[in-house]
Amino acid sequence: MTAAGKALACALLVAGAGCSRLPGGAGRAERDVSYGPHASDRLDVYWPEGRKAAGLPAVLVFHGGGWREGRRKDTVERVCGRYLRRGYVVVNADYRLAAEAQAPAAAVDAMEAADWLRRNAGRLGVDPERLVATGESAGGHLALMAALAPAEAGLGAPTRFAAAVSFSGIADVADLLAGANARDFAAGWCGQGPGAVEAARRLSPRTWVRPDAPPVIAVHADSDPVVPYGQASELISALRKNGGRAELVTIRSGGHGFEPSELEEAYRQVFVFLGGLGL
């Protein structure tokens, strides 16, 4: 194929900047889309190969990194590819990191990205009743906030999700600001001035547990040295006590990241959970 032919093929396959490799299971992509007013408010959309773009489920993906590092490219194969191969449209979002703007910026961006997905569902061929939010670590926190935070959280317009999937996600930000579980990355995002702890509670998914919360599945290691396992177990317990559908997948003796075999088994259980919801 000539250089011109390659360029044309790339343009037909991928909308947006550049022609980088698509994740496994993707048929086409729309890249570097602006979803909000800030330079970091960008996302990529991937459509599953061989699926008619109408009425499909969609997953909104947030990368991890303690709200201070990471990029959406980090999740392309490990997370996005898994959902694409299951027939989901994938929306993979960046957000403002702490060096650009401290809390609540990342959470505000997560709400904005969710609202963008809802408003563009028709154009994307997505069923707005079949939206899932997911993320790892700080990204898990943002996915939970996007799914659980109501209007009174003051972070933006809420979006109704059919489910949220958290991998090692932070459920109680305030718990990470002081005491035995204090973490530098949490202080770097929230600050340590007057009102920081109260602001952290507003930014905690645990705060917004309620009877009409969407179903949640959390994958967490019982020896996680970064985000305490108790945060996941308490969140799932609270959701269940409020009548919600919630499940905890425990990785025994695991850390903050998972071995490939652990990840495979965790995702097997995640997709069983989502399948039970018609997703």
C-alpha atoms as a PDB file:
ATOM      1  CA  MET A   1       0.000   0.000   0.000  1.00  0.00           C
ATOM      2  CA  THR A   2       1.296   3.464  -0.846  1.00  0.00           C
ATOM      3  CA  ALA A   3       1.878   6.109   1.817  1.00  0.00           C
ATOM      4  CA  ALA A   4      -1.221   7.933   0.582  1.00  0.00           C
ATOM      5  CA  GLY A   5      -3.228   4.722   0.793  1.00  0.00           C
ATOM      6  CA  LYS A   6      -2.087   4.067   4.336  1.00  0.00           C
ATOM      7  CA  ALA A   7      -3.026   7.605   5.314  1.00  0.00           C
ATOM      8  CA  LEU A   8      -6.481   7.185   3.795  1.00  0.00           C
ATOM      9  CA  ALA A   9      -7.020   3.837   5.521  1.00  0.00           C
ATOM     10  CA  CYS A  10      -6.003   5.394   8.794  1.00  0.00           C
ATOM     11  CA  ALA A  11      -8.386   8.310   8.316  1.00  0.00           C
ATOM     12  CA  LEU A  12     -11.260   5.946   7.591  1.00  0.00           C
ATOM     13  CA  LEU A  13     -10.515   3.800  10.631  1.00  0.00           C
ATOM     14  CA  VAL A  14      -9.650   6.357  13.248  1.00  0.00           C
ATOM     15  CA  ALA A  15     -11.129   9.813  13.680  1.00  0.00           C
ATOM     16  CA  GLY A  16      -8.971  12.266  15.564  1.00  0.00           C
ATOM     17  CA  ALA A  17      -5.285  12.876  15.967  1.00  0.00           C
ATOM     18  CA  GLY A  18      -2.872  10.241  14.721  1.00  0.00           C
ATOM     19  CA  CYS A  19      -3.297   6.614  13.778  1.00  0.00           C
ATOM     20  CA  SER A  20      -2.128   4.557  16.724  1.00  0.00           C
ATOM     21  CA  ARG A  21      -3.012   0.931  17.316  1.00  0.00           C
ATOM     22  CA  LEU A  22      -6.569   0.193  18.367  1.00  0.00           C
ATOM     23  CA  PRO A  23      -7.132  -2.013  21.417  1.00  0.00           C
ATOM     24  CA  GLY A  24      -8.098  -5.617  20.780  1.00  0.00           C
ATOM     25  CA  GLY A  25     -11.777  -5.876  19.954  1.00  0.00           C
ATOM     26  CA  ALA A  26     -12.085  -2.353  18.566  1.00  0.00           C
ATOM     27  CA  GLY A  27     -13.404  -1.695  15.096  1.00  0.00           C
ATOM     28  CA  ARG A  28     -12.966   2.066  15.010  1.00  0.00           C
ATOM     29  CA  ALA A  29     -12.237   5.007  17.256  1.00  0.00           C
ATOM     30  CA  GLU A  30     -12.806   8.704  17.716  1.00  0.00           C
ATOM     31  CA  ARG A  31      -9.850  10.204  19.529  1.00  0.00           C
ATOM     32  CA  ASP A  32      -8.993  13.247  21.594  1.00  0.00           C
ATOM     33  CA  VAL A  33     -12.545  14.511  21.970  1.00  0.00           C
ATOM     34  CA  SER A  34     -13.135  17.486  24.256  1.00  0.00           C
ATOM     35  CA  TYR A  35     -15.825  16.842  26.877  1.00  0.00           C
ATOM     36  CA  GLY A  36     -15.317  19.864  29.144  1.00  0.00           C
ATOM     37  CA  PRO A  37     -13.841  23.370  29.373  1.00  0.00           C
ATOM     38  CA  HIS A  38     -10.301  22.401  30.453  1.00  0.00           C
ATOM     39  CA  ALA A  39      -7.356  21.285  28.342  1.00  0.00           C
ATOM     40  CA  SER A  40      -7.188  17.953  30.181  1.00  0.00           C
ATOM     41  CA  ASP A  41     -10.874  17.201  29.599  1.00  0.00           C
ATOM     42  CA  ARG A  42     -10.262  14.832  26.703  1.00  0.00           C
ATOM     43  CA  LEU A  43     -11.444  11.347  25.885  1.00  0.00           C
ATOM     44  CA  ASP A  44     -11.274   8.594  23.289  1.00  0.00           C
ATOM     45  CA  VAL A  45     -14.249   6.548  22.095  1.00  0.00           C
ATOM     46  CA  TYR A  46     -13.864   2.973  20.852  1.00  0.00           C
ATOM     47  CA  TRP A  47     -16.559   0.948  19.116  1.00  0.00           C
ATOM     48  CA  PRO A  48     -16.540  -2.865  19.218  1.00  0.00           C
ATOM     49  CA  GLU A  49     -15.629  -4.651  16.044  1.00  0.00           C
ATOM     50  CA  GLY A  50     -18.459  -6.202  14.080  1.00  0.00           C
ATOM     51  CA  ARG A  51     -21.269  -4.751  16.220  1.00  0.00           C
ATOM     52  CA  LYS A  52     -24.029  -2.545  14.917  1.00  0.00           C
ATOM     53  CA  ALA A  53     -23.657   0.835  16.609  1.00  0.00           C
ATOM     54  CA  ALA A  54     -27.166   1.039  18.036  1.00  0.00           C
ATOM     55  CA  GLY A  55     -28.407   0.342  21.539  1.00  0.00           C
ATOM     56  CA  LEU A  56     -25.038  -0.905  22.789  1.00  0.00           C
ATOM     57  CA  PRO A  57     -23.917  -0.814  26.419  1.00  0.00           C
ATOM     58  CA  ALA A  58     -21.131   1.659  27.166  1.00  0.00           C
ATOM     59  CA  VAL A  59     -18.418   1.832  29.794  1.00  0.00           C
ATOM     60  CA  LEU A  60     -16.775   5.046  30.998  1.00  0.00           C
ATOM     61  CA  VAL A  61     -13.167   4.348  32.042  1.00  0.00           C
ATOM     62  CA  PHE A  62     -10.973   6.396  34.406  1.00  0.00           C
ATOM     63  CA  HIS A  63      -7.266   5.699  34.868  1.00  0.00           C
ATOM     64  CA  GLY A  64      -5.580   5.499  38.268  1.00  0.00           C
ATOM     65  CA  GLY A  65      -2.520   7.257  39.660  1.00  0.00           C
ATOM     66  CA  GLY A  66      -3.488   8.849  42.973  1.00  0.00           C
ATOM     67  CA  TRP A  67      -5.101  11.830  41.210  1.00  0.00           C
ATOM     68  CA  ARG A  68      -1.569  13.032  40.446  1.00  0.00           C
ATOM     69  CA  GLU A  69      -0.332  10.930  37.541  1.00  0.00           C
ATOM     70  CA  GLY A  70      -1.439   8.553  34.814  1.00  0.00           C
ATOM     71  CA  ARG A  71      -3.069   8.979  31.426  1.00  0.00           C
ATOM     72  CA  ARG A  72      -5.954   7.336  29.606  1.00  0.00           C
ATOM     73  CA  LYS A  73      -3.506   5.472  27.374  1.00  0.00           C
ATOM     74  CA  ASP A  74      -2.554   3.374  30.425  1.00  0.00           C
ATOM     75  CA  THR A  75      -5.911   1.558  30.332  1.00  0.00           C
ATOM     76  CA  VAL A  76      -6.239   0.898  26.595  1.00  0.00           C
ATOM     77  CA  GLU A  77      -5.579  -2.843  26.497  1.00  0.00           C
ATOM     78  CA  ARG A  78      -5.792  -3.826  30.161  1.00  0.00           C
ATOM     79  CA  VAL A  79      -9.274  -2.333  30.640  1.00  0.00           C
ATOM     80  CA  CYS A  80     -10.748  -1.005  27.400  1.00  0.00           C
ATOM     81  CA  GLY A  81      -9.951  -4.101  25.354  1.00  0.00           C
ATOM     82  CA  ARG A  82     -11.781  -6.370  27.782  1.00  0.00           C
ATOM     83  CA  TYR A  83     -15.014  -4.404  27.437  1.00  0.00           C
ATOM     84  CA  LEU A  84     -14.688  -4.037  23.682  1.00  0.00           C
ATOM     85  CA  ARG A  85     -14.456  -7.783  23.283  1.00  0.00           C
ATOM     86  CA  ARG A  86     -17.702  -8.009  25.265  1.00  0.00           C
ATOM     87  CA  GLY A  87     -19.480  -5.676  22.857  1.00  0.00           C
ATOM     88  CA  TYR A  88     -19.305  -2.427  24.825  1.00  0.00           C
ATOM     89  CA  VAL A  89     -18.673   1.026  23.429  1.00  0.00           C
ATOM     90  CA  VAL A  90     -15.749   2.330  25.491  1.00  0.00           C
ATOM     91  CA  VAL A  91     -15.258   5.951  26.532  1.00  0.00           C
ATOM     92  CA  ASN A  92     -11.758   6.378  27.972  1.00  0.00           C
ATOM     93  CA  ALA A  93     -11.304   9.700  29.780  1.00  0.00           C
ATOM     94  CA  ASP A  94      -8.502  11.858  31.110  1.00  0.00           C
ATOM     95  CA  TYR A  95      -9.136  14.449  33.828  1.00  0.00           C
ATOM     96  CA  ARG A  96      -7.298  17.227  35.643  1.00  0.00           C
ATOM     97  CA  LEU A  97      -4.506  15.936  37.864  1.00  0.00           C
ATOM     98  CA  ALA A  98      -3.491  17.499  41.175  1.00  0.00           C
ATOM     99  CA  ALA A  99      -0.611  19.502  39.686  1.00  0.00           C
ATOM    100  CA  GLU A 100      -3.100  21.263  37.422  1.00  0.00           C
ATOM    101  CA  ALA A 101      -5.953  21.596  39.904  1.00  0.00           C
ATOM    102  CA  GLN A 102      -6.550  20.118  43.346  1.00  0.00           C
ATOM    103  CA  ALA A 103      -9.794  18.637  44.615  1.00  0.00           C
ATOM    104  CA  PRO A 104     -12.563  18.645  43.644  1.00  0.00           C
ATOM    105  CA  ALA A 105     -11.359  19.144  40.050  1.00  0.00           C
ATOM    106  CA  ALA A 106     -10.936  15.477  39.091  1.00  0.00           C
ATOM    107  CA  ALA A 107     -14.341  14.588  40.523  1.00  0.00           C
ATOM    108  CA  VAL A 108     -15.974  17.512  38.723  1.00  0.00           C
ATOM    109  CA  ASP A 109     -14.359  16.309  35.492  1.00  0.00           C
ATOM    110  CA  ALA A 110     -15.627  12.769  36.099  1.00  0.00           C
ATOM    111  CA  MET A 111     -19.160  14.086  36.452  1.00  0.00           C
ATOM    112  CA  GLU A 112     -18.689  16.156  33.294  1.00  0.00           C
ATOM    113  CA  ALA A 113     -17.416  13.144  31.339  1.00  0.00           C
ATOM    114  CA  ALA A 114     -20.414  11.126  32.509  1.00  0.00           C
ATOM    115  CA  ASP A 115     -22.785  13.884  31.450  1.00  0.00           C
ATOM    116  CA  TRP A 116     -21.044  14.067  28.055  1.00  0.00           C
ATOM    117  CA  LEU A 117     -21.607  10.330  27.590  1.00  0.00           C
ATOM    118  CA  ARG A 118     -25.275  10.638  28.498  1.00  0.00           C
ATOM    119  CA  ARG A 119     -25.843  13.606  26.172  1.00  0.00           C
ATOM    120  CA  ASN A 120     -24.032  11.913  23.272  1.00  0.00           C
ATOM    121  CA  ALA A 121     -25.469   8.432  23.739  1.00  0.00           C
ATOM    122  CA  GLY A 122     -27.595   8.613  20.615  1.00  0.00           C
ATOM    123  CA  ARG A 123     -24.746   9.739  18.392  1.00  0.00           C
ATOM    124  CA  LEU A 124     -22.501   7.037  19.794  1.00  0.00           C
ATOM    125  CA  GLY A 125     -25.046   4.280  19.281  1.00  0.00           C
ATOM    126  CA  VAL A 126     -25.304   3.735  23.029  1.00  0.00           C
ATOM    127  CA  ASP A 127     -28.323   2.792  25.127  1.00  0.00           C
ATOM    128  CA  PRO A 128     -28.427   5.504  27.864  1.00  0.00           C
ATOM    129  CA  GLU A 129     -29.982   2.956  30.233  1.00  0.00           C
ATOM    130  CA  ARG A 130     -26.936   0.674  29.936  1.00  0.00           C
ATOM    131  CA  LEU A 131     -24.051   2.827  31.149  1.00  0.00           C
ATOM    132  CA  VAL A 132     -21.251   1.464  33.336  1.00  0.00           C
ATOM    133  CA  ALA A 133     -18.503   3.437  35.107  1.00  0.00           C
ATOM    134  CA  THR A 134     -15.182   1.803  35.974  1.00  0.00           C
ATOM    135  CA  GLY A 135     -11.685   2.645  37.109  1.00  0.00           C
ATOM    136  CA  GLU A 136      -8.651   1.545  39.065  1.00  0.00           C
ATOM    137  CA  SER A 137      -7.473   3.095  42.360  1.00  0.00           C
ATOM    138  CA  ALA A 138      -8.110   6.849  42.050  1.00  0.00           C
ATOM    139  CA  GLY A 139      -9.932   6.009  38.837  1.00  0.00           C
ATOM    140  CA  GLY A 140     -12.101   3.615  40.816  1.00  0.00           C
ATOM    141  CA  HIS A 141     -12.911   6.495  43.143  1.00  0.00           C
ATOM    142  CA  LEU A 142     -13.917   8.675  40.198  1.00  0.00           C
ATOM    143  CA  ALA A 143     -16.059   5.901  38.709  1.00  0.00           C
ATOM    144  CA  LEU A 144     -17.842   5.462  42.038  1.00  0.00           C
ATOM    145  CA  MET A 145     -18.360   9.209  42.370  1.00  0.00           C
ATOM    146  CA  ALA A 146     -19.731   9.464  38.829  1.00  0.00           C
ATOM    147  CA  ALA A 147     -22.198   6.697  39.660  1.00  0.00           C
ATOM    148  CA  LEU A 148     -23.117   7.630  43.241  1.00  0.00           C
ATOM    149  CA  ALA A 149     -22.765  11.398  43.715  1.00  0.00           C
ATOM    150  CA  PRO A 150     -26.142  13.197  43.662  1.00  0.00           C
ATOM    151  CA  ALA A 151     -26.791  16.818  42.733  1.00  0.00           C
ATOM    152  CA  GLU A 152     -26.369  17.907  46.362  1.00  0.00           C
ATOM    153  CA  ALA A 153     -22.710  16.848  46.208  1.00  0.00           C
ATOM    154  CA  GLY A 154     -22.198  20.052  44.233  1.00  0.00           C
ATOM    155  CA  LEU A 155     -19.932  18.451  41.631  1.00  0.00           C
ATOM    156  CA  GLY A 156     -22.163  18.726  38.579  1.00  0.00           C
ATOM    157  CA  ALA A 157     -25.217  17.168  37.032  1.00  0.00           C
ATOM    158  CA  PRO A 158     -25.633  13.514  38.066  1.00  0.00           C
ATOM    159  CA  THR A 159     -25.843  10.749  35.482  1.00  0.00           C
ATOM    160  CA  ARG A 160     -27.782   7.561  36.050  1.00  0.00           C
ATOM    161  CA  PHE A 161     -25.505   4.538  35.654  1.00  0.00           C
ATOM    162  CA  ALA A 162     -26.639   0.944  35.425  1.00  0.00           C
ATOM    163  CA  ALA A 163     -23.570  -0.202  37.388  1.00  0.00           C
ATOM    164  CA  ALA A 164     -20.159   0.806  38.709  1.00  0.00           C
ATOM    165  CA  VAL A 165     -17.042  -1.382  38.753  1.00  0.00           C
ATOM    166  CA  SER A 166     -14.210  -0.418  41.103  1.00  0.00           C
ATOM    167  CA  PHE A 167     -10.762  -1.992  41.112  1.00  0.00           C
ATOM    168  CA  SER A 168      -8.877  -1.058  44.319  1.00  0.00           C
ATOM    169  CA  GLY A 169     -10.935   2.132  44.394  1.00  0.00           C
ATOM    170  CA  ILE A 170     -10.925   4.752  47.134  1.00  0.00           C
ATOM    171  CA  ALA A 171     -14.302   4.874  48.872  1.00  0.00           C
ATOM    172  CA  ASP A 172     -13.412   7.123  51.836  1.00  0.00           C
ATOM    173  CA  VAL A 173     -11.095  10.002  50.938  1.00  0.00           C
ATOM    174  CA  ALA A 174     -11.214  11.475  54.443  1.00  0.00           C
ATOM    175  CA  ASP A 175      -9.783   8.228  55.843  1.00  0.00           C
ATOM    176  CA  LEU A 176      -6.627   8.832  53.798  1.00  0.00           C
ATOM    177  CA  LEU A 177      -6.003  12.340  55.150  1.00  0.00           C
ATOM    178  CA  ALA A 178      -5.153  11.593  58.781  1.00  0.00           C
ATOM    179  CA  GLY A 179      -4.397   8.741  61.148  1.00  0.00           C
ATOM    180  CA  ALA A 180      -3.033   5.304  60.397  1.00  0.00           C
ATOM    181  CA  ASN A 181      -4.260   5.348  56.799  1.00  0.00           C
ATOM    182  CA  ALA A 182      -2.941   8.805  55.866  1.00  0.00           C
ATOM    183  CA  ARG A 183      -1.459   8.927  52.362  1.00  0.00           C
ATOM    184  CA  ASP A 184       0.632  11.686  50.798  1.00  0.00           C
ATOM    185  CA  PHE A 185      -1.223  11.477  47.496  1.00  0.00           C
ATOM    186  CA  ALA A 186      -4.538  12.160  49.210  1.00  0.00           C
ATOM    187  CA  ALA A 187      -3.142  15.207  51.007  1.00  0.00           C
ATOM    188  CA  GLY A 188      -1.649  16.365  47.723  1.00  0.00           C
ATOM    189  CA  TRP A 189      -5.043  16.245  46.068  1.00  0.00           C
ATOM    190  CA  CYS A 190      -7.234  17.509  48.911  1.00  0.00           C
ATOM    191  CA  GLY A 191      -4.796  19.837  50.662  1.00  0.00           C
ATOM    192  CA  GLN A 192      -4.482  20.009  54.435  1.00  0.00           C
ATOM    193  CA  GLY A 193      -6.002  23.374  55.264  1.00  0.00           C
ATOM    194  CA  PRO A 194      -9.126  24.129  57.286  1.00  0.00           C
ATOM    195  CA  GLY A 195     -12.099  22.236  55.951  1.00  0.00           C
ATOM    196  CA  ALA A 196     -10.029  19.649  54.069  1.00  0.00           C
ATOM    197  CA  VAL A 197     -11.503  16.691  55.949  1.00  0.00           C
ATOM    198  CA  GLU A 198     -15.066  17.894  55.480  1.00  0.00           C
ATOM    199  CA  ALA A 199     -14.403  18.490  51.782  1.00  0.00           C
ATOM    200  CA  ALA A 200     -12.941  14.972  51.563  1.00  0.00           C
ATOM    201  CA  ARG A 201     -16.152  13.530  52.993  1.00  0.00           C
ATOM    202  CA  ARG A 202     -18.116  15.265  50.238  1.00  0.00           C
ATOM    203  CA  LEU A 203     -15.734  13.637  47.752  1.00  0.00           C
ATOM    204  CA  SER A 204     -16.129  10.156  49.238  1.00  0.00           C
ATOM    205  CA  PRO A 205     -18.391   7.601  47.529  1.00  0.00           C
ATOM    206  CA  ARG A 206     -19.164   6.162  50.985  1.00  0.00           C
ATOM    207  CA  THR A 207     -20.938   9.426  51.841  1.00  0.00           C
ATOM    208  CA  TRP A 208     -23.457   9.008  49.027  1.00  0.00           C
ATOM    209  CA  VAL A 209     -24.695   5.489  49.722  1.00  0.00           C
ATOM    210  CA  ARG A 210     -28.499   5.476  49.471  1.00  0.00           C
ATOM    211  CA  PRO A 211     -31.355   3.117  48.603  1.00  0.00           C
ATOM    212  CA  ASP A 212     -31.518   4.114  44.930  1.00  0.00           C
ATOM    213  CA  ALA A 213     -27.777   3.744  44.292  1.00  0.00           C
ATOM    214  CA  PRO A 214     -26.839   1.746  41.184  1.00  0.00           C
ATOM    215  CA  PRO A 215     -25.375  -1.750  41.543  1.00  0.00           C
ATOM    216  CA  VAL A 216     -21.679  -1.801  42.469  1.00  0.00           C
ATOM    217  CA  ILE A 217     -19.013  -4.482  42.257  1.00  0.00           C
ATOM    218  CA  ALA A 218     -15.675  -3.830  43.933  1.00  0.00           C
ATOM    219  CA  VAL A 219     -12.492  -5.828  43.369  1.00  0.00           C
ATOM    220  CA  HIS A 220      -9.985  -5.320  46.180  1.00  0.00           C
ATOM    221  CA  ALA A 221      -7.037  -7.143  47.717  1.00  0.00           C
ATOM    222  CA  ASP A 222      -7.240  -7.893  51.415  1.00  0.00           C
ATOM    223  CA  SER A 223      -3.570  -6.866  51.837  1.00  0.00           C
ATOM    224  CA  ASP A 224      -3.685  -3.693  49.740  1.00  0.00           C
ATOM    225  CA  PRO A 225      -0.994  -1.387  51.221  1.00  0.00           C
ATOM    226  CA  VAL A 226      -2.239   1.739  49.441  1.00  0.00           C
ATOM    227  CA  VAL A 227      -6.036   1.751  49.704  1.00  0.00           C
ATOM    228  CA  PRO A 228      -7.247  -0.201  52.753  1.00  0.00           C
ATOM    229  CA  TYR A 229      -9.395  -3.246  52.014  1.00  0.00           C
ATOM    230  CA  GLY A 230     -11.816  -2.068  54.680  1.00  0.00           C
ATOM    231  CA  GLN A 231     -12.886   0.808  52.457  1.00  0.00           C
ATOM    232  CA  ALA A 232     -14.246  -1.603  49.846  1.00  0.00           C
ATOM    233  CA  SER A 233     -15.827  -3.979  52.346  1.00  0.00           C
ATOM    234  CA  GLU A 234     -17.518  -1.136  54.236  1.00  0.00           C
ATOM    235  CA  LEU A 235     -18.832   0.422  51.025  1.00  0.00           C
ATOM    236  CA  ILE A 236     -20.314  -2.853  49.801  1.00  0.00           C
ATOM    237  CA  SER A 237     -21.791  -3.588  53.233  1.00  0.00           C
ATOM    238  CA  ALA A 238     -23.385  -0.130  53.396  1.00  0.00           C
ATOM    239  CA  LEU A 239     -24.874  -0.490  49.923  1.00  0.00           C
ATOM    240  CA  ARG A 240     -26.375  -3.848  50.834  1.00  0.00           C
ATOM    241  CA  LYS A 241     -27.817  -2.502  54.088  1.00  0.00           C
ATOM    242  CA  ASN A 242     -29.553   0.176  52.028  1.00  0.00           C
ATOM    243  CA  GLY A 243     -31.116  -2.468  49.823  1.00  0.00           C
ATOM    244  CA  GLY A 244     -28.693  -2.100  46.957  1.00  0.00           C
ATOM    245  CA  ARG A 245     -27.159  -4.775  44.773  1.00  0.00           C
ATOM    246  CA  ALA A 246     -23.465  -4.909  45.610  1.00  0.00           C
ATOM    247  CA  GLU A 247     -20.692  -7.492  45.462  1.00  0.00           C
ATOM    248  CA  LEU A 248     -17.126  -7.631  46.774  1.00  0.00           C
ATOM    249  CA  VAL A 249     -14.492  -9.696  44.981  1.00  0.00           C
ATOM    250  CA  THR A 250     -11.620 -10.280  47.399  1.00  0.00           C
ATOM    251  CA  ILE A 251      -8.107 -10.957  46.121  1.00  0.00           C
ATOM    252  CA  ARG A 252      -6.451 -12.974  48.874  1.00  0.00           C
ATOM    253  CA  SER A 253      -3.008 -11.789  50.003  1.00  0.00           C
ATOM    254  CA  GLY A 254      -2.857  -9.430  47.042  1.00  0.00           C
ATOM    255  CA  GLY A 255      -1.420  -5.944  46.765  1.00  0.00           C
ATOM    256  CA  HIS A 256      -2.574  -2.772  45.078  1.00  0.00           C
ATOM    257  CA  GLY A 257      -1.999  -4.329  41.672  1.00  0.00           C
ATOM    258  CA  PHE A 258      -2.969  -7.823  40.587  1.00  0.00           C
ATOM    259  CA  GLU A 259      -1.218 -10.741  38.958  1.00  0.00           C
ATOM    260  CA  PRO A 260      -2.514 -11.671  35.482  1.00  0.00           C
ATOM    261  CA  SER A 261      -4.286 -14.765  36.801  1.00  0.00           C
ATOM    262  CA  GLU A 262      -5.929 -12.732  39.570  1.00  0.00           C
ATOM    263  CA  LEU A 263      -7.049 -10.126  37.076  1.00  0.00           C
ATOM    264  CA  GLU A 264      -8.526 -12.759  34.756  1.00  0.00           C
ATOM    265  CA  GLU A 265     -10.560 -14.293  37.558  1.00  0.00           C
ATOM    266  CA  ALA A 266     -11.661 -10.876  38.825  1.00  0.00           C
ATOM    267  CA  TYR A 267     -12.910  -9.851  35.393  1.00  0.00           C
ATOM    268  CA  ARG A 268     -14.700 -13.173  35.012  1.00  0.00           C
ATOM    269  CA  GLN A 269     -16.683 -12.335  38.135  1.00  0.00           C
ATOM    270  CA  VAL A 270     -17.199  -8.731  37.028  1.00  0.00           C
ATOM    271  CA  PHE A 271     -18.746  -9.820  33.736  1.00  0.00           C
ATOM    272  CA  VAL A 272     -20.938 -12.381  35.480  1.00  0.00           C
ATOM    273  CA  PHE A 273     -22.183  -9.551  37.720  1.00  0.00           C
ATOM    274  CA  LEU A 274     -22.788  -7.224  34.780  1.00  0.00           C
ATOM    275  CA  GLY A 275     -24.413  -9.999  32.777  1.00  0.00           C
ATOM    276  CA  GLY A 276     -26.879 -10.508  35.597  1.00  0.00           C
ATOM    277  CA  LEU A 277     -27.881  -6.892  35.125  1.00  0.00           C
ATOM    278  CA  GLY A 278     -28.430  -7.310  31.398  1.00  0.00           C
ATOM    279  CA  LEU A 279     -25.202  -5.510  30.546  1.00  0.00           C
END
